C-alpha atoms as a PDB file:
ATOM      1  CA  MET A   1     -19.628 -43.870  73.794  1.00  0.00           C
ATOM      2  CA  ASN A   2     -15.964 -43.901  74.024  1.00  0.00           C
ATOM      3  CA  ILE A   3     -13.807 -44.492  71.183  1.00  0.00           C
ATOM      4  CA  ASN A   4     -13.224 -47.979  71.506  1.00  0.00           C
ATOM      5  CA  SER A   5     -16.886 -49.094  71.330  1.00  0.00           C
ATOM      6  CA  LYS A   6     -17.153 -46.789  67.989  1.00  0.00           C
ATOM      7  CA  ILE A   7     -14.082 -48.883  66.464  1.00  0.00           C
ATOM      8  CA  THR A   8     -16.123 -52.460  67.927  1.00  0.00           C
ATOM      9  CA  LYS A   9     -19.223 -51.228  66.154  1.00  0.00           C
ATOM     10  CA  ALA A  10     -17.325 -50.267  62.647  1.00  0.00           C
ATOM     11  CA  LEU A  11     -15.253 -53.347  62.569  1.00  0.00           C
ATOM     12  CA  LEU A  12     -18.627 -55.514  63.065  1.00  0.00           C
ATOM     13  CA  VAL A  13     -20.418 -53.625  60.168  1.00  0.00           C
ATOM     14  CA  ALA A  14     -17.469 -54.451  57.948  1.00  0.00           C
ATOM     15  CA  LEU A  15     -17.305 -58.183  59.203  1.00  0.00           C
ATOM     16  CA  LEU A  16     -21.121 -58.394  58.226  1.00  0.00           C
ATOM     17  CA  LEU A  17     -20.967 -56.598  55.132  1.00  0.00           C
ATOM     18  CA  LEU A  18     -17.851 -58.905  53.857  1.00  0.00           C
ATOM     19  CA  SER A  19     -20.106 -61.921  55.067  1.00  0.00           C
ATOM     20  CA  GLY A  20     -22.534 -60.748  53.163  1.00  0.00           C
ATOM     21  CA  ILE A  21     -20.418 -60.245  50.098  1.00  0.00           C
ATOM     22  CA  MET A  22     -19.279 -63.632  50.410  1.00  0.00           C
ATOM     23  CA  ALA A  23     -22.483 -65.319  50.921  1.00  0.00           C
ATOM     24  CA  TYR A  24     -23.905 -63.661  47.405  1.00  0.00           C
ATOM     25  CA  ALA A  25     -20.283 -64.678  45.522  1.00  0.00           C
ATOM     26  CA  ALA A  26     -20.804 -68.232  46.961  1.00  0.00           C
ATOM     27  CA  SER A  27     -24.809 -68.421  45.855  1.00  0.00           C
ATOM     28  CA  THR A  28     -23.655 -67.376  42.451  1.00  0.00           C
ATOM     29  CA  GLY A  29     -20.887 -69.479  41.967  1.00  0.00           C
ATOM     30  CA  GLN A  30     -18.186 -66.261  41.931  1.00  0.00           C
ATOM     31  CA  LEU A  31     -16.771 -67.127  45.058  1.00  0.00           C
ATOM     32  CA  THR A  32     -12.803 -67.684  43.440  1.00  0.00           C
ATOM     33  CA  THR A  33     -13.117 -64.271  41.608  1.00  0.00           C
ATOM     34  CA  LEU A  34     -14.171 -62.261  44.268  1.00  0.00           C
ATOM     35  CA  PRO A  35     -10.571 -61.192  45.261  1.00  0.00           C
ATOM     36  CA  GLN A  36     -10.298 -60.288  41.716  1.00  0.00           C
ATOM     37  CA  ASN A  37     -13.424 -58.245  41.390  1.00  0.00           C
ATOM     38  CA  ILE A  38     -12.649 -56.208  44.385  1.00  0.00           C
ATOM     39  CA  MET A  39      -9.249 -55.561  43.202  1.00  0.00           C
ATOM     40  CA  GLY A  40     -10.612 -54.494  39.428  1.00  0.00           C
ATOM     41  CA  ALA A  41     -13.626 -52.295  41.317  1.00  0.00           C
ATOM     42  CA  ILE A  42     -10.718 -50.533  43.424  1.00  0.00           C
ATOM     43  CA  ALA A  43      -8.207 -50.136  40.745  1.00  0.00           C
ATOM     44  CA  VAL A  44     -10.888 -48.817  37.748  1.00  0.00           C
ATOM     45  CA  PRO A  45     -11.094 -45.355  39.184  1.00  0.00           C
ATOM     46  CA  PHE A  46      -7.452 -44.924  39.280  1.00  0.00           C
ATOM     47  CA  GLN A  47      -6.610 -46.320  35.996  1.00  0.00           C
ATOM     48  CA  LYS A  48      -9.222 -43.581  34.630  1.00  0.00           C
ATOM     49  CA  ILE A  49      -7.570 -40.883  36.301  1.00  0.00           C
ATOM     50  CA  GLY A  50      -4.046 -42.254  34.997  1.00  0.00           C
ATOM     51  CA  ALA A  51      -5.387 -42.334  31.569  1.00  0.00           C
ATOM     52  CA  VAL A  52      -6.824 -39.234  31.417  1.00  0.00           C
ATOM     53  CA  ALA A  53      -3.549 -37.602  33.067  1.00  0.00           C
ATOM     54  CA  GLY A  54      -1.469 -39.768  30.585  1.00  0.00           C
ATOM     55  CA  ASN A  55      -3.392 -38.089  27.905  1.00  0.00           C
ATOM     56  CA  LYS A  56      -2.858 -34.632  29.086  1.00  0.00           C
ATOM     57  CA  ILE A  57       1.152 -35.227  29.404  1.00  0.00           C
ATOM     58  CA  ASP A  58       1.094 -36.336  25.959  1.00  0.00           C
ATOM     59  CA  ALA A  59      -0.769 -33.218  24.523  1.00  0.00           C
ATOM     60  CA  TRP A  60       1.589 -31.088  26.830  1.00  0.00           C
ATOM     61  CA  ALA A  61       4.437 -32.825  25.220  1.00  0.00           C
ATOM     62  CA  ASP A  62       3.090 -32.638  21.657  1.00  0.00           C
ATOM     63  CA  ARG A  63       2.312 -28.951  21.869  1.00  0.00           C
ATOM     64  CA  ASN A  64       5.998 -27.985  23.904  1.00  0.00           C
ATOM     65  CA  LEU A  65       8.329 -30.575  22.552  1.00  0.00           C
ATOM     66  CA  ASN A  66       7.518 -29.744  18.774  1.00  0.00           C
ATOM     67  CA  ILE A  67       7.415 -26.175  19.520  1.00  0.00           C
ATOM     68  CA  ASP A  68      10.716 -25.019  17.411  1.00  0.00           C
ATOM     69  CA  GLU A  69       9.385 -26.983  14.392  1.00  0.00           C
ATOM     70  CA  ILE A  70       5.887 -24.938  14.672  1.00  0.00           C
ATOM     71  CA  ILE A  71       8.358 -21.686  15.033  1.00  0.00           C
ATOM     72  CA  ARG A  72      10.349 -22.628  11.798  1.00  0.00           C
ATOM     73  CA  GLU A  73       6.937 -23.339  10.149  1.00  0.00           C
ATOM     74  CA  ASN A  74       5.491 -20.081  10.960  1.00  0.00           C
ATOM     75  CA  GLU A  75       8.765 -18.118   9.843  1.00  0.00           C
ATOM     76  CA  GLN A  76       8.736 -19.989   6.385  1.00  0.00           C
ATOM     77  CA  LEU A  77       5.143 -19.284   5.881  1.00  0.00           C
ATOM     78  CA  LYS A  78       5.747 -15.518   7.112  1.00  0.00           C
ATOM     79  CA  GLU A  79       8.612 -15.388   4.246  1.00  0.00           C
ATOM     80  CA  GLU A  80       6.573 -16.903   1.799  1.00  0.00           C
ATOM     81  CA  LEU A  81       3.774 -14.391   2.231  1.00  0.00           C
ATOM     82  CA  HIS A  82       6.135 -11.620   2.126  1.00  0.00           C
ATOM     83  CA  GLN A  83       7.358 -13.163  -0.999  1.00  0.00           C
ATOM     84  CA  LEU A  84       4.074 -13.233  -2.497  1.00  0.00           C
ATOM     85  CA  ARG A  85       2.927  -9.834  -1.560  1.00  0.00           C
ATOM     86  CA  VAL A  86       6.622  -8.248  -3.438  1.00  0.00           C
ATOM     87  CA  LYS A  87       5.364 -10.272  -6.403  1.00  0.00           C
ATOM     88  CA  GLN A  88       2.360  -8.664  -6.153  1.00  0.00           C
ATOM     89  CA  LEU A  89       3.235  -5.151  -5.896  1.00  0.00           C
ATOM     90  CA  GLU A  90       6.109  -5.554  -8.788  1.00  0.00           C
ATOM     91  CA  TYR A  91       2.973  -6.898 -10.951  1.00  0.00           C
ATOM     92  CA  ASP A  92       0.860  -3.947 -10.276  1.00  0.00           C
ATOM     93  CA  GLN A  93       3.661  -1.539 -10.588  1.00  0.00           C
ATOM     94  CA  LYS A  94       3.888  -3.328 -14.098  1.00  0.00           C
ATOM     95  CA  VAL A  95       0.327  -3.147 -14.850  1.00  0.00           C
ATOM     96  CA  MET A  96       0.164   0.538 -13.986  1.00  0.00           C
ATOM     97  CA  GLU A  97       3.179   1.279 -16.097  1.00  0.00           C
ATOM     98  CA  ASN A  98       2.223  -0.607 -19.331  1.00  0.00           C
ATOM     99  CA  GLN A  99      -1.075   1.313 -18.778  1.00  0.00           C
ATOM    100  CA  ALA A 100       0.756   4.510 -18.583  1.00  0.00           C
ATOM    101  CA  TYR A 101       2.669   3.955 -21.683  1.00  0.00           C
ATOM    102  CA  LYS A 102      -0.263   3.206 -23.408  1.00  0.00           C
ATOM    103  CA  GLU A 103      -1.890   6.650 -22.448  1.00  0.00           C
ATOM    104  CA  LEU A 104       1.388   8.453 -22.941  1.00  0.00           C
ATOM    105  CA  LEU A 105       0.785   7.641 -26.483  1.00  0.00           C
ATOM    106  CA  ASN A 106      -2.282   9.864 -26.738  1.00  0.00           C
ATOM    107  CA  ILE A 107      -0.347  12.835 -25.581  1.00  0.00           C
ATOM    108  CA  VAL A 108       2.819  12.275 -27.535  1.00  0.00           C
ATOM    109  CA  ASP A 109       2.768  12.251 -31.206  1.00  0.00           C
ATOM    110  CA  ASP A 110       6.352  10.725 -31.342  1.00  0.00           C
ATOM    111  CA  VAL A 111       7.305   8.799 -28.614  1.00  0.00           C
ATOM    112  CA  SER A 112      10.355   7.781 -30.290  1.00  0.00           C
ATOM    113  CA  ARG A 113      11.834  11.168 -29.795  1.00  0.00           C
ATOM    114  CA  TYR A 114      11.795  11.040 -26.027  1.00  0.00           C
ATOM    115  CA  THR A 115      14.041   9.195 -23.448  1.00  0.00           C
ATOM    116  CA  THR A 116      12.274   8.649 -20.219  1.00  0.00           C
ATOM    117  CA  VAL A 117      12.577   7.219 -16.965  1.00  0.00           C
ATOM    118  CA  SER A 118       9.240   6.378 -15.410  1.00  0.00           C
ATOM    119  CA  ALA A 119       8.726   6.414 -11.406  1.00  0.00           C
ATOM    120  CA  SER A 120       6.386   6.147  -8.861  1.00  0.00           C
ATOM    121  CA  VAL A 121       5.541   9.029  -6.438  1.00  0.00           C
ATOM    122  CA  ILE A 122       6.807   8.211  -3.042  1.00  0.00           C
ATOM    123  CA  GLY A 123       5.955  11.357  -0.932  1.00  0.00           C
ATOM    124  CA  ARG A 124       4.456  14.649  -0.836  1.00  0.00           C
ATOM    125  CA  ASP A 125       5.764  17.638   0.884  1.00  0.00           C
ATOM    126  CA  GLY A 126       2.724  18.729   3.399  1.00  0.00           C
ATOM    127  CA  MET A 127       3.921  22.101   3.752  1.00  0.00           C
ATOM    128  CA  ASP A 128       3.809  22.853   0.049  1.00  0.00           C
ATOM    129  CA  LYS A 129       0.896  24.338  -1.475  1.00  0.00           C
ATOM    130  CA  PHE A 130       1.660  23.893  -4.793  1.00  0.00           C
ATOM    131  CA  TYR A 131       1.829  20.145  -4.365  1.00  0.00           C
ATOM    132  CA  ALA A 132       5.352  19.478  -4.867  1.00  0.00           C
ATOM    133  CA  PHE A 133       6.276  15.797  -4.427  1.00  0.00           C
ATOM    134  CA  THR A 134       9.345  13.107  -4.360  1.00  0.00           C
ATOM    135  CA  ILE A 135       9.683  10.129  -6.964  1.00  0.00           C
ATOM    136  CA  ASP A 136      11.727   7.240  -6.348  1.00  0.00           C
ATOM    137  CA  LYS A 137      14.131   7.408  -9.481  1.00  0.00           C
ATOM    138  CA  GLY A 138      17.534   9.758  -9.453  1.00  0.00           C
ATOM    139  CA  ASP A 139      20.764  10.783 -10.669  1.00  0.00           C
ATOM    140  CA  SER A 140      21.552   7.114 -10.763  1.00  0.00           C
ATOM    141  CA  HIS A 141      18.645   6.674 -13.210  1.00  0.00           C
ATOM    142  CA  GLY A 142      19.948   9.429 -15.377  1.00  0.00           C
ATOM    143  CA  ILE A 143      17.507  12.077 -13.916  1.00  0.00           C
ATOM    144  CA  GLU A 144      18.951  15.513 -13.761  1.00  0.00           C
ATOM    145  CA  VAL A 145      17.522  18.840 -12.208  1.00  0.00           C
ATOM    146  CA  ASN A 146      15.260  20.650 -15.062  1.00  0.00           C
ATOM    147  CA  ASP A 147      14.243  17.770 -16.580  1.00  0.00           C
ATOM    148  CA  VAL A 148      10.446  17.609 -17.247  1.00  0.00           C
ATOM    149  CA  VAL A 149       8.214  15.550 -15.771  1.00  0.00           C
ATOM    150  CA  ILE A 150       4.792  14.505 -17.378  1.00  0.00           C
ATOM    151  CA  SER A 151       2.437  11.941 -16.649  1.00  0.00           C
ATOM    152  CA  ALA A 152      -0.224   9.910 -18.922  1.00  0.00           C
ATOM    153  CA  ASP A 153      -2.300  13.083 -19.420  1.00  0.00           C
ATOM    154  CA  GLY A 154       0.164  16.050 -19.628  1.00  0.00           C
ATOM    155  CA  VAL A 155       2.707  18.229 -18.179  1.00  0.00           C
ATOM    156  CA  VAL A 156       3.243  17.800 -14.270  1.00  0.00           C
ATOM    157  CA  GLY A 157       6.585  19.630 -13.484  1.00  0.00           C
ATOM    158  CA  VAL A 158      10.168  19.782 -13.355  1.00  0.00           C
ATOM    159  CA  VAL A 159      12.965  18.017 -11.386  1.00  0.00           C
ATOM    160  CA  ILE A 160      14.390  20.737  -8.911  1.00  0.00           C
ATOM    161  CA  GLU A 161      16.560  18.191  -7.102  1.00  0.00           C
ATOM    162  CA  THR A 162      18.113  14.612  -6.962  1.00  0.00           C
ATOM    163  CA  GLY A 163      19.659  12.107  -5.271  1.00  0.00           C
ATOM    164  CA  PRO A 164      21.108   8.517  -5.994  1.00  0.00           C
ATOM    165  CA  ASN A 165      17.584   6.945  -5.737  1.00  0.00           C
ATOM    166  CA  PHE A 166      15.011  10.062  -5.543  1.00  0.00           C
ATOM    167  CA  SER A 167      13.896  13.132  -7.085  1.00  0.00           C
ATOM    168  CA  LYS A 168      12.153  15.913  -6.376  1.00  0.00           C
ATOM    169  CA  VAL A 169       9.462  17.786  -8.208  1.00  0.00           C
ATOM    170  CA  ALA A 170       8.115  21.507  -8.531  1.00  0.00           C
ATOM    171  CA  THR A 171       4.598  21.382 -10.200  1.00  0.00           C
ATOM    172  CA  ILE A 172       3.221  23.323 -12.975  1.00  0.00           C
ATOM    173  CA  LEU A 173       1.123  24.900 -10.360  1.00  0.00           C
ATOM    174  CA  SER A 174       3.938  26.403  -8.796  1.00  0.00           C
ATOM    175  CA  PRO A 175       5.332  29.703  -9.523  1.00  0.00           C
ATOM    176  CA  ALA A 176       8.584  28.897  -9.717  1.00  0.00           C
ATOM    177  CA  VAL A 177       7.569  26.910 -12.994  1.00  0.00           C
ATOM    178  CA  SER A 178       7.233  28.591 -16.197  1.00  0.00           C
ATOM    179  CA  VAL A 179       6.787  27.425 -19.586  1.00  0.00           C
ATOM    180  CA  GLY A 180       6.389  29.121 -23.078  1.00  0.00           C
ATOM    181  CA  CYS A 181       2.554  27.557 -24.496  1.00  0.00           C
ATOM    182  CA  PHE A 182       0.473  27.930 -27.296  1.00  0.00           C
ATOM    183  CA  ALA A 183      -3.170  28.159 -26.750  1.00  0.00           C
ATOM    184  CA  GLY A 184      -6.127  28.472 -29.243  1.00  0.00           C
ATOM    185  CA  SER A 185      -6.620  27.721 -32.759  1.00  0.00           C
ATOM    186  CA  GLU A 186      -4.307  30.382 -34.080  1.00  0.00           C
ATOM    187  CA  ARG A 187      -1.809  29.156 -31.449  1.00  0.00           C
ATOM    188  CA  ASP A 188      -1.563  32.629 -29.492  1.00  0.00           C
ATOM    189  CA  ILE A 189       1.771  32.469 -27.624  1.00  0.00           C
ATOM    190  CA  GLY A 190       2.170  33.286 -23.791  1.00  0.00           C
ATOM    191  CA  ILE A 191       3.801  31.998 -20.551  1.00  0.00           C
ATOM    192  CA  VAL A 192       1.938  29.592 -18.371  1.00  0.00           C
ATOM    193  CA  SER A 193       3.418  29.672 -14.548  1.00  0.00           C
ATOM    194  CA  GLY A 194       1.859  28.949 -11.226  1.00  0.00           C
ATOM    195  CA  ASN A 195      -0.031  31.247  -8.996  1.00  0.00           C
ATOM    196  CA  TYR A 196      -0.116  31.416  -5.512  1.00  0.00           C
ATOM    197  CA  ASP A 197      -4.025  32.055  -4.867  1.00  0.00           C
ATOM    198  CA  LEU A 198      -5.119  29.978  -7.907  1.00  0.00           C
ATOM    199  CA  SER A 199      -2.813  26.856  -6.474  1.00  0.00           C
ATOM    200  CA  GLU A 200      -5.564  26.071  -4.091  1.00  0.00           C
ATOM    201  CA  GLU A 201      -8.364  25.801  -7.336  1.00  0.00           C
ATOM    202  CA  GLY A 202      -5.846  23.306  -8.958  1.00  0.00           C
ATOM    203  CA  THR A 203      -5.276  26.163 -11.946  1.00  0.00           C
ATOM    204  CA  CYS A 204      -2.481  28.123 -13.184  1.00  0.00           C
ATOM    205  CA  THR A 205      -2.323  31.230 -15.205  1.00  0.00           C
ATOM    206  CA  MET A 206      -0.929  32.035 -19.021  1.00  0.00           C
ATOM    207  CA  TYR A 207       0.364  35.210 -18.949  1.00  0.00           C
ATOM    208  CA  HIS A 208       0.820  37.904 -22.111  1.00  0.00           C
ATOM    209  CA  LEU A 209      -1.446  36.860 -24.428  1.00  0.00           C
ATOM    210  CA  PRO A 210      -2.408  39.284 -27.522  1.00  0.00           C
ATOM    211  CA  LYS A 211      -4.852  42.084 -26.651  1.00  0.00           C
ATOM    212  CA  GLU A 212      -6.729  40.904 -30.026  1.00  0.00           C
ATOM    213  CA  THR A 213      -6.468  36.985 -28.906  1.00  0.00           C
ATOM    214  CA  LYS A 214      -9.045  34.678 -29.836  1.00  0.00           C
ATOM    215  CA  VAL A 215      -8.249  32.349 -27.078  1.00  0.00           C
ATOM    216  CA  THR A 216     -11.485  31.035 -25.278  1.00  0.00           C
ATOM    217  CA  ALA A 217     -12.833  28.846 -22.317  1.00  0.00           C
ATOM    218  CA  GLY A 218     -12.045  25.057 -23.573  1.00  0.00           C
ATOM    219  CA  ASP A 219      -8.852  25.653 -25.811  1.00  0.00           C
ATOM    220  CA  LEU A 220      -6.364  23.353 -25.491  1.00  0.00           C
ATOM    221  CA  VAL A 221      -2.810  24.970 -24.062  1.00  0.00           C
ATOM    222  CA  SER A 222       0.604  23.083 -25.182  1.00  0.00           C
ATOM    223  CA  THR A 223       4.116  23.771 -25.039  1.00  0.00           C
ATOM    224  CA  THR A 224       5.932  25.795 -27.830  1.00  0.00           C
ATOM    225  CA  GLY A 225       9.388  24.065 -26.986  1.00  0.00           C
ATOM    226  CA  TYR A 226      11.142  27.439 -27.373  1.00  0.00           C
ATOM    227  CA  GLY A 227      13.588  28.996 -24.557  1.00  0.00           C
ATOM    228  CA  THR A 228      12.591  26.486 -22.157  1.00  0.00           C
ATOM    229  CA  VAL A 229      13.848  23.032 -20.879  1.00  0.00           C
ATOM    230  CA  PHE A 230      10.239  21.404 -22.178  1.00  0.00           C
ATOM    231  CA  PRO A 231       9.698  19.996 -25.803  1.00  0.00           C
ATOM    232  CA  LYS A 232       7.579  21.147 -28.131  1.00  0.00           C
ATOM    233  CA  ASP A 233       3.607  20.276 -28.413  1.00  0.00           C
ATOM    234  CA  LEU A 234       3.349  18.524 -24.530  1.00  0.00           C
ATOM    235  CA  ILE A 235      -0.137  19.343 -23.413  1.00  0.00           C
ATOM    236  CA  VAL A 236      -0.473  21.290 -20.561  1.00  0.00           C
ATOM    237  CA  GLY A 237      -3.949  21.887 -19.958  1.00  0.00           C
ATOM    238  CA  LEU A 238      -7.438  23.734 -20.861  1.00  0.00           C
ATOM    239  CA  VAL A 239      -8.219  27.408 -20.855  1.00  0.00           C
ATOM    240  CA  GLU A 240     -11.004  28.146 -18.193  1.00  0.00           C
ATOM    241  CA  THR A 241     -11.338  31.874 -18.398  1.00  0.00           C
ATOM    242  CA  VAL A 242      -9.998  35.012 -20.184  1.00  0.00           C
ATOM    243  CA  ASP A 243      -9.348  38.569 -18.991  1.00  0.00           C
ATOM    244  CA  ILE A 244      -7.456  41.729 -19.623  1.00  0.00           C
ATOM    245  CA  GLU A 245      -4.409  42.120 -17.546  1.00  0.00           C
ATOM    246  CA  GLU A 246      -4.140  45.099 -15.572  1.00  0.00           C
ATOM    247  CA  SER A 247      -1.581  46.858 -17.989  1.00  0.00           C
ATOM    248  CA  GLY A 248      -4.523  47.092 -20.454  1.00  0.00           C
ATOM    249  CA  ASN A 249      -2.075  45.689 -23.423  1.00  0.00           C
ATOM    250  CA  SER A 250      -2.376  41.610 -23.012  1.00  0.00           C
ATOM    251  CA  LYS A 251      -4.729  39.122 -22.003  1.00  0.00           C
ATOM    252  CA  SER A 252      -4.432  36.175 -19.488  1.00  0.00           C
ATOM    253  CA  ALA A 253      -6.000  33.073 -18.964  1.00  0.00           C
ATOM    254  CA  THR A 254      -6.765  30.737 -16.352  1.00  0.00           C
ATOM    255  CA  VAL A 255      -5.865  27.342 -17.187  1.00  0.00           C
ATOM    256  CA  ARG A 256      -6.603  24.259 -15.473  1.00  0.00           C
ATOM    257  CA  PRO A 257      -3.849  21.027 -15.963  1.00  0.00           C
ATOM    258  CA  VAL A 258      -5.286  17.841 -17.903  1.00  0.00           C
ATOM    259  CA  ALA A 259      -2.641  16.152 -15.501  1.00  0.00           C
ATOM    260  CA  ASP A 260      -4.148  15.142 -12.115  1.00  0.00           C
ATOM    261  CA  ILE A 261      -1.098  17.186 -10.149  1.00  0.00           C
ATOM    262  CA  ALA A 262      -2.699  16.779  -6.278  1.00  0.00           C
ATOM    263  CA  ASN A 263      -2.930  12.772  -6.896  1.00  0.00           C
ATOM    264  CA  VAL A 264      -0.662  11.847  -9.432  1.00  0.00           C
ATOM    265  CA  LYS A 265       0.858   8.449  -8.709  1.00  0.00           C
ATOM    266  CA  PHE A 266       2.714   7.463 -12.021  1.00  0.00           C
ATOM    267  CA  VAL A 267       5.282   9.890 -13.541  1.00  0.00           C
ATOM    268  CA  PHE A 268       7.310   9.931 -16.405  1.00  0.00           C
ATOM    269  CA  VAL A 269      10.828  11.925 -16.538  1.00  0.00           C
ATOM    270  CA  ILE A 270      11.898  13.047 -19.852  1.00  0.00           C
ATOM    271  CA  THR A 271      16.260  12.883 -19.909  1.00  0.00           C
ATOM    272  CA  ASP A 272      16.378  13.245 -23.524  1.00  0.00           C
ATOM    273  CA  TYR A 273      14.866  14.499 -26.702  1.00  0.00           C
ATOM    274  CA  THR A 274      15.211  15.320 -30.236  1.00  0.00           C
END
């Protein structure tokens, strides 16, 4: 069968199909609307495709043409979130500071005797086994080298270096820090200083106690205020053990500071006192 015969048969089938449709339309009274129905049947699929495409175009336009506004809104939200975080940090700082001031009253008989600057610990020297640290206040806040540093619990150390907005602190666990102290009910006098071997245990040593001292474990150790930069009657720590010194003429005591030297986060620097 050649190609002309195939075309002829296809046309005959199409004519027969069209004749059948027209006959059915005439019998049902829809002959006059047949062209519209045929065109409608042909057009509907294209209309659906067009509607879907239109919706996708609108969605793309909303997403991309408004991108600048979305970016601006996101930046504004980020800024608002940052400001809220800053306010929360300031609030937390004030709460911690107020609590520390209240606790400070428990270790200082007359807080009006002291001029203090409150500060937060912002860094620690990982190479220093005596737990030296840096605070966020410096000479622009009136802090000087040798100013005494305390917490709400007791003595922490002394300032050894200052900058405009920072200071470095050596703790009572360091051999570089020494302070005259009382101990026991009879207020025997000795020198408290850091000890290289004891620093890992978080303790220090009180040297040169009288040989006949009655100081025992649990006794309170506080500053004498004589001959040092430390004011009088600041709490240093509690006695843990008492031993005779090598000379045999005096005794020494192991003292555990009441301040949490290794983990202290908030301190007071005494810049002046009467």
